[in-house]
C-alpha atoms as a PDB file:
ATOM      1  CA  MET A   1    -116.382 124.985 246.359  1.00  0.00           C
ATOM      2  CA  LEU A   2    -114.581 122.511 244.136  1.00  0.00           C
ATOM      3  CA  PHE A   3    -113.951 119.094 245.632  1.00  0.00           C
ATOM      4  CA  ASP A   4    -110.435 117.626 245.363  1.00  0.00           C
ATOM      5  CA  GLU A   5    -111.392 115.507 242.352  1.00  0.00           C
ATOM      6  CA  GLN A   6    -112.910 118.493 240.574  1.00  0.00           C
ATOM      7  CA  LEU A   7    -109.806 120.545 241.303  1.00  0.00           C
ATOM      8  CA  ARG A   8    -107.632 117.744 239.944  1.00  0.00           C
ATOM      9  CA  LEU A   9    -109.675 117.566 236.736  1.00  0.00           C
ATOM     10  CA  ALA A  10    -109.593 121.351 236.366  1.00  0.00           C
ATOM     11  CA  PHE A  11    -105.813 121.363 236.759  1.00  0.00           C
ATOM     12  CA  ILE A  12    -105.353 118.608 234.168  1.00  0.00           C
ATOM     13  CA  GLN A  13    -107.583 120.465 231.720  1.00  0.00           C
ATOM     14  CA  LEU A  14    -105.807 123.813 232.116  1.00  0.00           C
ATOM     15  CA  ALA A  15    -102.209 122.618 232.557  1.00  0.00           C
ATOM     16  CA  LYS A  16    -101.662 122.380 228.793  1.00  0.00           C
ATOM     17  CA  GLN A  17    -101.014 126.143 228.918  1.00  0.00           C
ATOM     18  CA  PRO A  18    -100.036 126.552 232.567  1.00  0.00           C
ATOM     19  CA  ASP A  19     -98.557 130.065 232.431  1.00  0.00           C
ATOM     20  CA  THR A  20    -101.534 131.620 230.636  1.00  0.00           C
ATOM     21  CA  ALA A  21    -104.051 129.646 232.727  1.00  0.00           C
ATOM     22  CA  MET A  22    -102.260 130.697 235.926  1.00  0.00           C
ATOM     23  CA  ALA A  23    -102.441 134.384 234.935  1.00  0.00           C
ATOM     24  CA  VAL A  24    -106.184 134.123 234.242  1.00  0.00           C
ATOM     25  CA  CYS A  25    -106.833 132.266 237.523  1.00  0.00           C
ATOM     26  CA  VAL A  26    -104.824 134.817 239.525  1.00  0.00           C
ATOM     27  CA  ALA A  27    -106.899 137.611 237.963  1.00  0.00           C
ATOM     28  CA  ALA A  28    -110.075 135.718 238.930  1.00  0.00           C
ATOM     29  CA  ALA A  29    -108.803 135.029 242.484  1.00  0.00           C
ATOM     30  CA  ASP A  30    -107.876 138.717 242.978  1.00  0.00           C
ATOM     31  CA  GLY A  31    -111.296 139.881 241.746  1.00  0.00           C
ATOM     32  CA  ARG A  32    -109.903 141.613 238.647  1.00  0.00           C
ATOM     33  CA  PHE A  33    -111.748 139.177 236.360  1.00  0.00           C
ATOM     34  CA  VAL A  34    -115.309 138.637 237.526  1.00  0.00           C
ATOM     35  CA  GLY A  35    -118.744 138.387 235.926  1.00  0.00           C
ATOM     36  CA  ASN A  36    -119.272 139.141 232.251  1.00  0.00           C
ATOM     37  CA  THR A  37    -115.922 140.353 230.863  1.00  0.00           C
ATOM     38  CA  ASP A  38    -114.642 140.974 227.326  1.00  0.00           C
ATOM     39  CA  LEU A  39    -111.782 138.717 226.141  1.00  0.00           C
ATOM     40  CA  TYR A  40    -109.398 141.621 225.561  1.00  0.00           C
ATOM     41  CA  ALA A  41    -110.210 143.100 228.964  1.00  0.00           C
ATOM     42  CA  ILE A  42    -109.416 139.708 230.505  1.00  0.00           C
ATOM     43  CA  CYS A  43    -106.000 139.822 228.785  1.00  0.00           C
ATOM     44  CA  THR A  44    -105.328 143.245 230.306  1.00  0.00           C
ATOM     45  CA  LYS A  45    -106.489 142.192 233.779  1.00  0.00           C
ATOM     46  CA  ALA A  46    -104.391 139.023 233.604  1.00  0.00           C
ATOM     47  CA  GLY A  47    -101.296 140.814 232.280  1.00  0.00           C
ATOM     48  CA  VAL A  48    -101.291 138.809 229.027  1.00  0.00           C
ATOM     49  CA  PRO A  49    -100.399 140.642 225.762  1.00  0.00           C
ATOM     50  CA  GLN A  50    -103.329 141.287 223.414  1.00  0.00           C
ATOM     51  CA  SER A  51    -101.388 139.421 220.715  1.00  0.00           C
ATOM     52  CA  SER A  52    -101.785 136.286 222.864  1.00  0.00           C
ATOM     53  CA  SER A  53    -105.565 136.671 223.261  1.00  0.00           C
ATOM     54  CA  TYR A  54    -106.081 133.432 221.346  1.00  0.00           C
ATOM     55  CA  GLN A  55    -104.169 131.590 224.093  1.00  0.00           C
ATOM     56  CA  VAL A  56    -106.402 133.149 226.747  1.00  0.00           C
ATOM     57  CA  GLU A  57    -109.452 132.153 224.717  1.00  0.00           C
ATOM     58  CA  LYS A  58    -108.187 128.567 224.555  1.00  0.00           C
ATOM     59  CA  VAL A  59    -107.774 128.507 228.341  1.00  0.00           C
ATOM     60  CA  LEU A  60    -111.283 129.902 228.861  1.00  0.00           C
ATOM     61  CA  ALA A  61    -112.845 127.497 226.353  1.00  0.00           C
ATOM     62  CA  SER A  62    -111.010 124.554 227.885  1.00  0.00           C
ATOM     63  CA  GLY A  63    -112.062 125.581 231.400  1.00  0.00           C
ATOM     64  CA  ALA A  64    -115.660 126.048 230.309  1.00  0.00           C
ATOM     65  CA  THR A  65    -115.910 122.340 229.448  1.00  0.00           C
ATOM     66  CA  ILE A  66    -115.462 121.459 233.141  1.00  0.00           C
ATOM     67  CA  GLY A  67    -117.327 124.393 234.685  1.00  0.00           C
ATOM     68  CA  VAL A  68    -114.353 126.556 235.668  1.00  0.00           C
ATOM     69  CA  PHE A  69    -115.336 129.437 233.366  1.00  0.00           C
ATOM     70  CA  ARG A  70    -118.569 130.347 231.607  1.00  0.00           C
ATOM     71  CA  LYS A  71    -118.953 131.617 228.039  1.00  0.00           C
ATOM     72  CA  GLN A  72    -121.448 134.495 227.966  1.00  0.00           C
ATOM     73  CA  SER A  73    -121.208 135.468 224.277  1.00  0.00           C
ATOM     74  CA  GLU A  74    -118.806 135.260 221.336  1.00  0.00           C
ATOM     75  CA  LEU A  75    -116.111 137.345 223.092  1.00  0.00           C
ATOM     76  CA  ASN A  76    -117.403 137.611 226.661  1.00  0.00           C
ATOM     77  CA  TRP A  77    -116.562 135.234 229.476  1.00  0.00           C
ATOM     78  CA  GLY A  78    -117.406 134.947 233.144  1.00  0.00           C
ATOM     79  CA  THR A  79    -116.092 133.292 236.276  1.00  0.00           C
ATOM     80  CA  VAL A  80    -118.029 130.641 238.206  1.00  0.00           C
ATOM     81  CA  GLU A  81    -118.955 131.114 241.853  1.00  0.00           C
ATOM     82  CA  GLY A  82    -117.366 128.566 244.196  1.00  0.00           C
ATOM     83  CA  VAL A  83    -114.323 127.769 242.052  1.00  0.00           C
ATOM     84  CA  ASP A  84    -111.097 127.896 244.087  1.00  0.00           C
ATOM     85  CA  TYR A  85    -109.118 129.986 241.595  1.00  0.00           C
ATOM     86  CA  ARG A  86    -106.376 130.723 244.145  1.00  0.00           C
ATOM     87  CA  THR A  87    -105.473 127.055 244.666  1.00  0.00           C
ATOM     88  CA  LEU A  88    -105.801 126.394 240.954  1.00  0.00           C
ATOM     89  CA  ALA A  89    -103.389 129.259 240.220  1.00  0.00           C
ATOM     90  CA  LEU A  90    -100.854 127.840 242.702  1.00  0.00           C
ATOM     91  CA  LEU A  91    -101.036 124.417 241.054  1.00  0.00           C
ATOM     92  CA  LEU A  92    -100.632 125.930 237.593  1.00  0.00           C
ATOM     93  CA  GLY A  93     -97.704 128.023 238.831  1.00  0.00           C
ATOM     94  CA  GLY A  94     -95.993 124.830 239.957  1.00  0.00           C
ATOM     95  CA  ALA A  95     -96.639 123.265 236.544  1.00  0.00           C
ATOM     96  CA  THR A  96     -95.114 126.322 234.848  1.00  0.00           C
ATOM     97  CA  LEU A  97     -91.959 126.104 236.994  1.00  0.00           C
ATOM     98  CA  TYR A  98     -91.633 122.396 236.277  1.00  0.00           C
ATOM     99  CA  ARG A  99     -92.079 122.944 232.535  1.00  0.00           C
ATOM    100  CA  ASP A 100     -89.615 125.839 232.335  1.00  0.00           C
ATOM    101  CA  HIS A 101     -86.859 124.651 234.686  1.00  0.00           C
ATOM    102  CA  ILE A 102     -87.034 120.872 235.113  1.00  0.00           C
ATOM    103  CA  PHE A 103     -88.823 119.083 232.300  1.00  0.00           C
ATOM    104  CA  LYS A 104     -86.760 119.031 229.103  1.00  0.00           C
ATOM    105  CA  PRO A 105     -88.660 117.255 226.299  1.00  0.00           C
ATOM    106  CA  ASP A 106     -86.870 116.364 223.093  1.00  0.00           C
ATOM    107  CA  ASN A 107     -89.776 117.729 221.039  1.00  0.00           C
ATOM    108  CA  LEU A 108     -93.036 119.557 221.606  1.00  0.00           C
ATOM    109  CA  VAL A 109     -95.611 119.077 218.836  1.00  0.00           C
ATOM    110  CA  ASP A 110     -99.100 120.510 218.431  1.00  0.00           C
ATOM    111  CA  VAL A 111    -101.680 120.450 215.660  1.00  0.00           C
ATOM    112  CA  VAL A 112    -102.313 123.674 213.721  1.00  0.00           C
ATOM    113  CA  LEU A 113    -105.605 124.089 211.846  1.00  0.00           C
ATOM    114  CA  THR A 114    -107.387 126.596 209.650  1.00  0.00           C
ATOM    115  CA  THR A 115    -111.064 125.689 209.351  1.00  0.00           C
ATOM    116  CA  PRO A 116    -113.159 126.831 206.385  1.00  0.00           C
ATOM    117  CA  PRO A 117    -115.248 129.985 207.008  1.00  0.00           C
ATOM    118  CA  ARG A 118    -118.244 129.561 209.315  1.00  0.00           C
ATOM    119  CA  PRO A 119    -120.672 127.935 209.054  1.00  0.00           C
ATOM    120  CA  SER A 120    -118.274 125.036 208.467  1.00  0.00           C
ATOM    121  CA  LYS A 121    -119.403 121.426 208.187  1.00  0.00           C
ATOM    122  CA  LEU A 122    -115.902 120.341 209.248  1.00  0.00           C
ATOM    123  CA  GLU A 123    -116.178 122.321 212.493  1.00  0.00           C
ATOM    124  CA  TRP A 124    -119.594 120.816 213.152  1.00  0.00           C
ATOM    125  CA  ALA A 125    -118.170 117.327 212.567  1.00  0.00           C
ATOM    126  CA  LEU A 126    -115.245 118.010 214.933  1.00  0.00           C
ATOM    127  CA  ASP A 127    -117.663 119.161 217.648  1.00  0.00           C
ATOM    128  CA  ALA A 128    -119.928 116.133 217.074  1.00  0.00           C
ATOM    129  CA  MET A 129    -116.950 113.777 217.510  1.00  0.00           C
ATOM    130  CA  GLY A 130    -115.934 115.456 220.761  1.00  0.00           C
ATOM    131  CA  TYR A 131    -113.119 117.571 219.329  1.00  0.00           C
ATOM    132  CA  ARG A 132    -113.247 121.343 219.756  1.00  0.00           C
ATOM    133  CA  ALA A 133    -111.668 123.350 216.940  1.00  0.00           C
ATOM    134  CA  SER A 134    -110.980 126.086 219.513  1.00  0.00           C
ATOM    135  CA  PHE A 135    -108.595 123.694 221.292  1.00  0.00           C
ATOM    136  CA  LEU A 136    -106.387 123.525 218.195  1.00  0.00           C
ATOM    137  CA  GLU A 137    -103.790 126.131 217.297  1.00  0.00           C
ATOM    138  CA  ASN A 138    -104.910 128.572 214.595  1.00  0.00           C
ATOM    139  CA  THR A 139    -102.603 128.795 211.559  1.00  0.00           C
ATOM    140  CA  GLU A 140    -102.552 132.574 211.143  1.00  0.00           C
ATOM    141  CA  GLU A 141    -102.098 133.157 214.873  1.00  0.00           C
ATOM    142  CA  ILE A 142     -99.224 130.660 214.999  1.00  0.00           C
ATOM    143  CA  PHE A 143     -97.491 132.416 212.080  1.00  0.00           C
ATOM    144  CA  THR A 144     -97.717 135.715 213.969  1.00  0.00           C
ATOM    145  CA  ASP A 145     -96.473 134.091 217.174  1.00  0.00           C
ATOM    146  CA  LEU A 146     -93.477 132.562 215.389  1.00  0.00           C
ATOM    147  CA  ALA A 147     -92.554 135.971 213.956  1.00  0.00           C
ATOM    148  CA  THR A 148     -92.969 137.985 217.159  1.00  0.00           C
ATOM    149  CA  ARG A 149     -91.065 135.473 219.296  1.00  0.00           C
ATOM    150  CA  SER A 150     -88.102 135.080 216.941  1.00  0.00           C
ATOM    151  CA  THR A 151     -84.834 136.641 218.114  1.00  0.00           C
ATOM    152  CA  ASN A 152     -82.111 135.960 215.544  1.00  0.00           C
ATOM    153  CA  ARG A 153     -83.758 134.294 212.543  1.00  0.00           C
ATOM    154  CA  PHE A 154     -87.104 134.085 210.736  1.00  0.00           C
ATOM    155  CA  LEU A 155     -87.643 132.118 207.526  1.00  0.00           C
ATOM    156  CA  ILE A 156     -90.644 131.576 205.269  1.00  0.00           C
ATOM    157  CA  MET A 157     -90.639 128.833 202.636  1.00  0.00           C
ATOM    158  CA  THR A 158     -93.723 128.866 200.417  1.00  0.00           C
ATOM    159  CA  PRO A 159     -94.158 127.654 196.842  1.00  0.00           C
ATOM    160  CA  PHE A 160     -97.293 129.717 196.137  1.00  0.00           C
ATOM    161  CA  ILE A 161     -97.850 133.447 196.734  1.00  0.00           C
ATOM    162  CA  ASP A 162    -100.649 135.767 195.644  1.00  0.00           C
ATOM    163  CA  ASN A 163    -101.165 139.473 196.376  1.00  0.00           C
ATOM    164  CA  GLU A 164    -102.871 138.862 199.740  1.00  0.00           C
ATOM    165  CA  GLY A 165    -100.181 136.367 200.674  1.00  0.00           C
ATOM    166  CA  GLY A 166     -97.510 138.888 199.741  1.00  0.00           C
ATOM    167  CA  LYS A 167     -99.018 141.383 202.172  1.00  0.00           C
ATOM    168  CA  LYS A 168     -99.055 138.704 204.872  1.00  0.00           C
ATOM    169  CA  ILE A 169     -95.369 137.895 204.221  1.00  0.00           C
ATOM    170  CA  CYS A 170     -94.403 141.554 204.687  1.00  0.00           C
ATOM    171  CA  GLN A 171     -96.541 141.848 207.827  1.00  0.00           C
ATOM    172  CA  LEU A 172     -94.755 138.852 209.348  1.00  0.00           C
ATOM    173  CA  PHE A 173     -91.265 140.110 208.496  1.00  0.00           C
ATOM    174  CA  ASN A 174     -92.196 143.490 209.980  1.00  0.00           C
ATOM    175  CA  LYS A 175     -92.795 141.786 213.337  1.00  0.00           C
ATOM    176  CA  VAL A 176     -89.276 140.306 213.412  1.00  0.00           C
ATOM    177  CA  PRO A 177     -86.423 142.110 215.259  1.00  0.00           C
ATOM    178  CA  ILE A 178     -84.633 144.472 212.895  1.00  0.00           C
ATOM    179  CA  ASP A 179     -81.232 142.775 213.273  1.00  0.00           C
ATOM    180  CA  ALA A 180     -82.516 139.197 212.850  1.00  0.00           C
ATOM    181  CA  ASN A 181     -81.719 137.202 209.714  1.00  0.00           C
ATOM    182  CA  LYS A 182     -84.758 137.201 207.432  1.00  0.00           C
ATOM    183  CA  GLN A 183     -85.070 134.686 204.609  1.00  0.00           C
ATOM    184  CA  LEU A 184     -87.744 133.902 202.030  1.00  0.00           C
ATOM    185  CA  ILE A 185     -87.582 130.771 199.863  1.00  0.00           C
ATOM    186  CA  VAL A 186     -89.860 130.846 196.817  1.00  0.00           C
ATOM    187  CA  ARG A 187     -90.550 128.693 193.772  1.00  0.00           C
ATOM    188  CA  CYS A 188     -90.368 130.561 190.443  1.00  0.00           C
ATOM    189  CA  GLU A 189     -90.283 128.497 187.280  1.00  0.00           C
ATOM    190  CA  ASN A 190     -87.356 129.376 185.000  1.00  0.00           C
ATOM    191  CA  GLY A 191     -86.392 132.088 187.471  1.00  0.00           C
ATOM    192  CA  ILE A 192     -89.333 134.302 186.486  1.00  0.00           C
ATOM    193  CA  PRO A 193     -90.870 135.979 189.556  1.00  0.00           C
ATOM    194  CA  SER A 194     -94.651 136.195 189.864  1.00  0.00           C
ATOM    195  CA  SER A 195     -96.411 139.562 189.838  1.00  0.00           C
ATOM    196  CA  ALA A 196     -97.289 139.059 193.519  1.00  0.00           C
ATOM    197  CA  LEU A 197     -93.591 138.665 194.355  1.00  0.00           C
ATOM    198  CA  LEU A 198     -92.597 141.687 192.268  1.00  0.00           C
ATOM    199  CA  ASN A 199     -95.239 143.749 194.112  1.00  0.00           C
ATOM    200  CA  ILE A 200     -93.426 143.246 197.415  1.00  0.00           C
ATOM    201  CA  GLU A 201     -89.845 143.249 196.099  1.00  0.00           C
ATOM    202  CA  MET A 202     -89.028 146.766 197.315  1.00  0.00           C
ATOM    203  CA  GLU A 203     -90.541 146.230 200.756  1.00  0.00           C
ATOM    204  CA  LEU A 204     -88.618 142.970 201.159  1.00  0.00           C
ATOM    205  CA  LYS A 205     -85.445 144.824 200.227  1.00  0.00           C
ATOM    206  CA  GLU A 206     -86.157 147.551 202.802  1.00  0.00           C
ATOM    207  CA  LEU A 207     -86.714 144.848 205.427  1.00  0.00           C
ATOM    208  CA  ASP A 208     -83.396 143.237 204.433  1.00  0.00           C
ATOM    209  CA  VAL A 209     -85.059 139.917 203.527  1.00  0.00           C
ATOM    210  CA  LYS A 210     -82.779 137.541 201.613  1.00  0.00           C
ATOM    211  CA  LEU A 211     -84.641 135.905 198.730  1.00  0.00           C
ATOM    212  CA  PHE A 212     -83.936 132.432 197.340  1.00  0.00           C
ATOM    213  CA  ASN A 213     -85.501 130.595 194.392  1.00  0.00           C
ATOM    214  CA  TYR A 214     -85.550 126.820 194.763  1.00  0.00           C
ATOM    215  CA  TRP A 215     -86.514 125.858 191.216  1.00  0.00           C
ATOM    216  CA  LEU A 216     -83.526 124.359 189.458  1.00  0.00           C
ATOM    217  CA  PRO A 217     -83.572 122.930 185.912  1.00  0.00           C
ATOM    218  CA  LYS A 218     -81.937 119.548 185.417  1.00  0.00           C
ATOM    219  CA  THR A 219     -79.901 118.371 182.455  1.00  0.00           C
ATOM    220  CA  GLN A 220     -82.727 116.241 181.061  1.00  0.00           C
ATOM    221  CA  PRO A 221     -85.137 118.519 179.162  1.00  0.00           C
ATOM    222  CA  GLY A 222     -88.435 119.201 180.937  1.00  0.00           C
ATOM    223  CA  THR A 223     -87.212 118.100 184.360  1.00  0.00           C
ATOM    224  CA  TYR A 224     -86.397 120.252 187.362  1.00  0.00           C
ATOM    225  CA  GLU A 225     -85.710 120.190 191.089  1.00  0.00           C
ATOM    226  CA  THR A 226     -88.072 122.111 193.384  1.00  0.00           C
ATOM    227  CA  TYR A 227     -90.301 121.754 196.455  1.00  0.00           C
ATOM    228  CA  HIS A 228     -93.896 121.653 197.688  1.00  0.00           C
ATOM    229  CA  ALA A 229     -93.300 121.973 201.449  1.00  0.00           C
ATOM    230  CA  LYS A 230     -94.522 124.962 203.467  1.00  0.00           C
ATOM    231  CA  VAL A 231     -92.337 125.982 206.396  1.00  0.00           C
ATOM    232  CA  ILE A 232     -92.217 128.896 208.831  1.00  0.00           C
ATOM    233  CA  LEU A 233     -89.044 128.790 210.944  1.00  0.00           C
ATOM    234  CA  SER A 234     -88.369 130.843 214.077  1.00  0.00           C
ATOM    235  CA  ASP A 235     -84.694 130.837 215.108  1.00  0.00           C
ATOM    236  CA  HIS A 236     -83.508 127.211 215.000  1.00  0.00           C
ATOM    237  CA  SER A 237     -85.871 125.868 217.617  1.00  0.00           C
ATOM    238  CA  ARG A 238     -89.519 126.368 216.536  1.00  0.00           C
ATOM    239  CA  CYS A 239     -91.211 125.831 213.201  1.00  0.00           C
ATOM    240  CA  TYR A 240     -94.499 125.259 211.404  1.00  0.00           C
ATOM    241  CA  VAL A 241     -94.665 122.526 208.763  1.00  0.00           C
ATOM    242  CA  GLY A 242     -97.967 122.059 206.968  1.00  0.00           C
ATOM    243  CA  SER A 243    -100.193 122.723 203.988  1.00  0.00           C
ATOM    244  CA  ALA A 244    -100.776 126.494 204.236  1.00  0.00           C
ATOM    245  CA  ASN A 245     -99.525 128.592 201.332  1.00  0.00           C
ATOM    246  CA  MET A 246     -99.153 132.364 201.391  1.00  0.00           C
ATOM    247  CA  THR A 247    -102.402 132.861 199.491  1.00  0.00           C
ATOM    248  CA  GLN A 248    -105.825 134.282 200.204  1.00  0.00           C
ATOM    249  CA  ALA A 249    -107.339 130.824 199.694  1.00  0.00           C
ATOM    250  CA  SER A 250    -105.187 129.350 202.484  1.00  0.00           C
ATOM    251  CA  PHE A 251    -106.069 132.081 204.973  1.00  0.00           C
ATOM    252  CA  ALA A 252    -109.714 132.670 204.081  1.00  0.00           C
ATOM    253  CA  TYR A 253    -111.298 129.656 202.354  1.00  0.00           C
ATOM    254  CA  SER A 254    -109.409 126.377 202.632  1.00  0.00           C
ATOM    255  CA  MET A 255    -108.959 123.903 205.447  1.00  0.00           C
ATOM    256  CA  GLU A 256    -105.225 123.877 206.175  1.00  0.00           C
ATOM    257  CA  LEU A 257    -103.506 121.444 208.493  1.00  0.00           C
ATOM    258  CA  GLY A 258    -100.010 121.318 209.910  1.00  0.00           C
ATOM    259  CA  PHE A 259     -97.840 121.011 213.002  1.00  0.00           C
ATOM    260  CA  ILE A 260     -96.002 123.446 215.239  1.00  0.00           C
ATOM    261  CA  VAL A 261     -92.779 121.784 216.370  1.00  0.00           C
ATOM    262  CA  GLU A 262     -90.313 122.838 219.055  1.00  0.00           C
ATOM    263  CA  GLY A 263     -87.076 121.042 219.873  1.00  0.00           C
ATOM    264  CA  SER A 264     -84.624 118.815 218.037  1.00  0.00           C
ATOM    265  CA  ALA A 265     -87.013 118.123 215.142  1.00  0.00           C
ATOM    266  CA  ALA A 266     -87.246 121.882 214.494  1.00  0.00           C
ATOM    267  CA  LYS A 267     -83.440 122.037 214.417  1.00  0.00           C
ATOM    268  CA  ARG A 268     -83.429 119.347 211.745  1.00  0.00           C
ATOM    269  CA  VAL A 269     -85.951 121.378 209.716  1.00  0.00           C
ATOM    270  CA  ALA A 270     -83.569 124.343 210.063  1.00  0.00           C
ATOM    271  CA  TRP A 271     -80.699 122.215 208.698  1.00  0.00           C
ATOM    272  CA  ILE A 272     -82.820 121.244 205.697  1.00  0.00           C
ATOM    273  CA  CYS A 273     -83.690 124.900 205.059  1.00  0.00           C
ATOM    274  CA  ASP A 274     -79.995 125.821 205.286  1.00  0.00           C
ATOM    275  CA  SER A 275     -79.187 123.122 202.731  1.00  0.00           C
ATOM    276  CA  ILE A 276     -81.911 124.414 200.414  1.00  0.00           C
ATOM    277  CA  MET A 277     -80.462 127.930 200.556  1.00  0.00           C
ATOM    278  CA  GLU A 278     -77.029 126.540 199.721  1.00  0.00           C
ATOM    279  CA  THR A 279     -78.595 124.867 196.693  1.00  0.00           C
ATOM    280  CA  ALA A 280     -81.079 127.541 195.596  1.00  0.00           C
ATOM    281  CA  GLN A 281     -80.417 130.624 193.486  1.00  0.00           C
ATOM    282  CA  ASN A 282     -79.953 133.952 195.243  1.00  0.00           C
ATOM    283  CA  PHE A 283     -82.899 135.724 193.696  1.00  0.00           C
ATOM    284  CA  LEU A 284     -83.650 139.135 192.126  1.00  0.00           C
ATOM    285  CA  ASN A 285     -79.950 140.169 192.180  1.00  0.00           C
ATOM    286  CA  ARG A 286     -79.821 140.180 195.987  1.00  0.00           C
END
């Protein structure tokens, strides 16, 4: 049985994602999640969508550091005998109510990371310094989350696209509600689209994605106005700002770092994107 201090520490550790942690603890308290269980089965037993399995994994990994859960293998997790999951779930439920109905922060910010493929020396260094890469948001998963949770607007701004990145762009827009505004800001020198962009032109048109080119020549020869920022915007309230391009290198090889922002700062990013679209060229005769 957890002592009060242990319960307090467990709550503090899991309260970063109180709703997901509560669902997992309720499943454990009810006996639906016991012993050696697959991650995706835990999602089902806890009533969490499979698309949010990474959030469940973060809860389990975080809880494992203080003995609330036990990692059995790469995807299998177990409960720990003697943990008061029922009380923990009640505490986390209270934290969820407070977060959703009382606490109104101006901004929520979290770090988003893509580590190089394993084995990764960076991941080893993070672990050695006491930081767990699994506690950080994953770039590709955050992109998917931003798309699936958007209701009236989804925007991608990326200066670099290759064929793999083009596929990813279409996959993300396919996850957005059909009647939402969909916008893609690209960077094409002299207005000449890349082959990767031309490869997805028809699919973007079918998805009703508005395309803008923010590469504008200036009056002085050899000079131009453009951008290097990478932004994924969901509605006017959540966004990613970071280093990740829509390229295979960004998703498969490179370390990419950014922030997921929710609140007034995200609204200001939306204003900047709106200003860019007012300035940019409506692209490919659309």
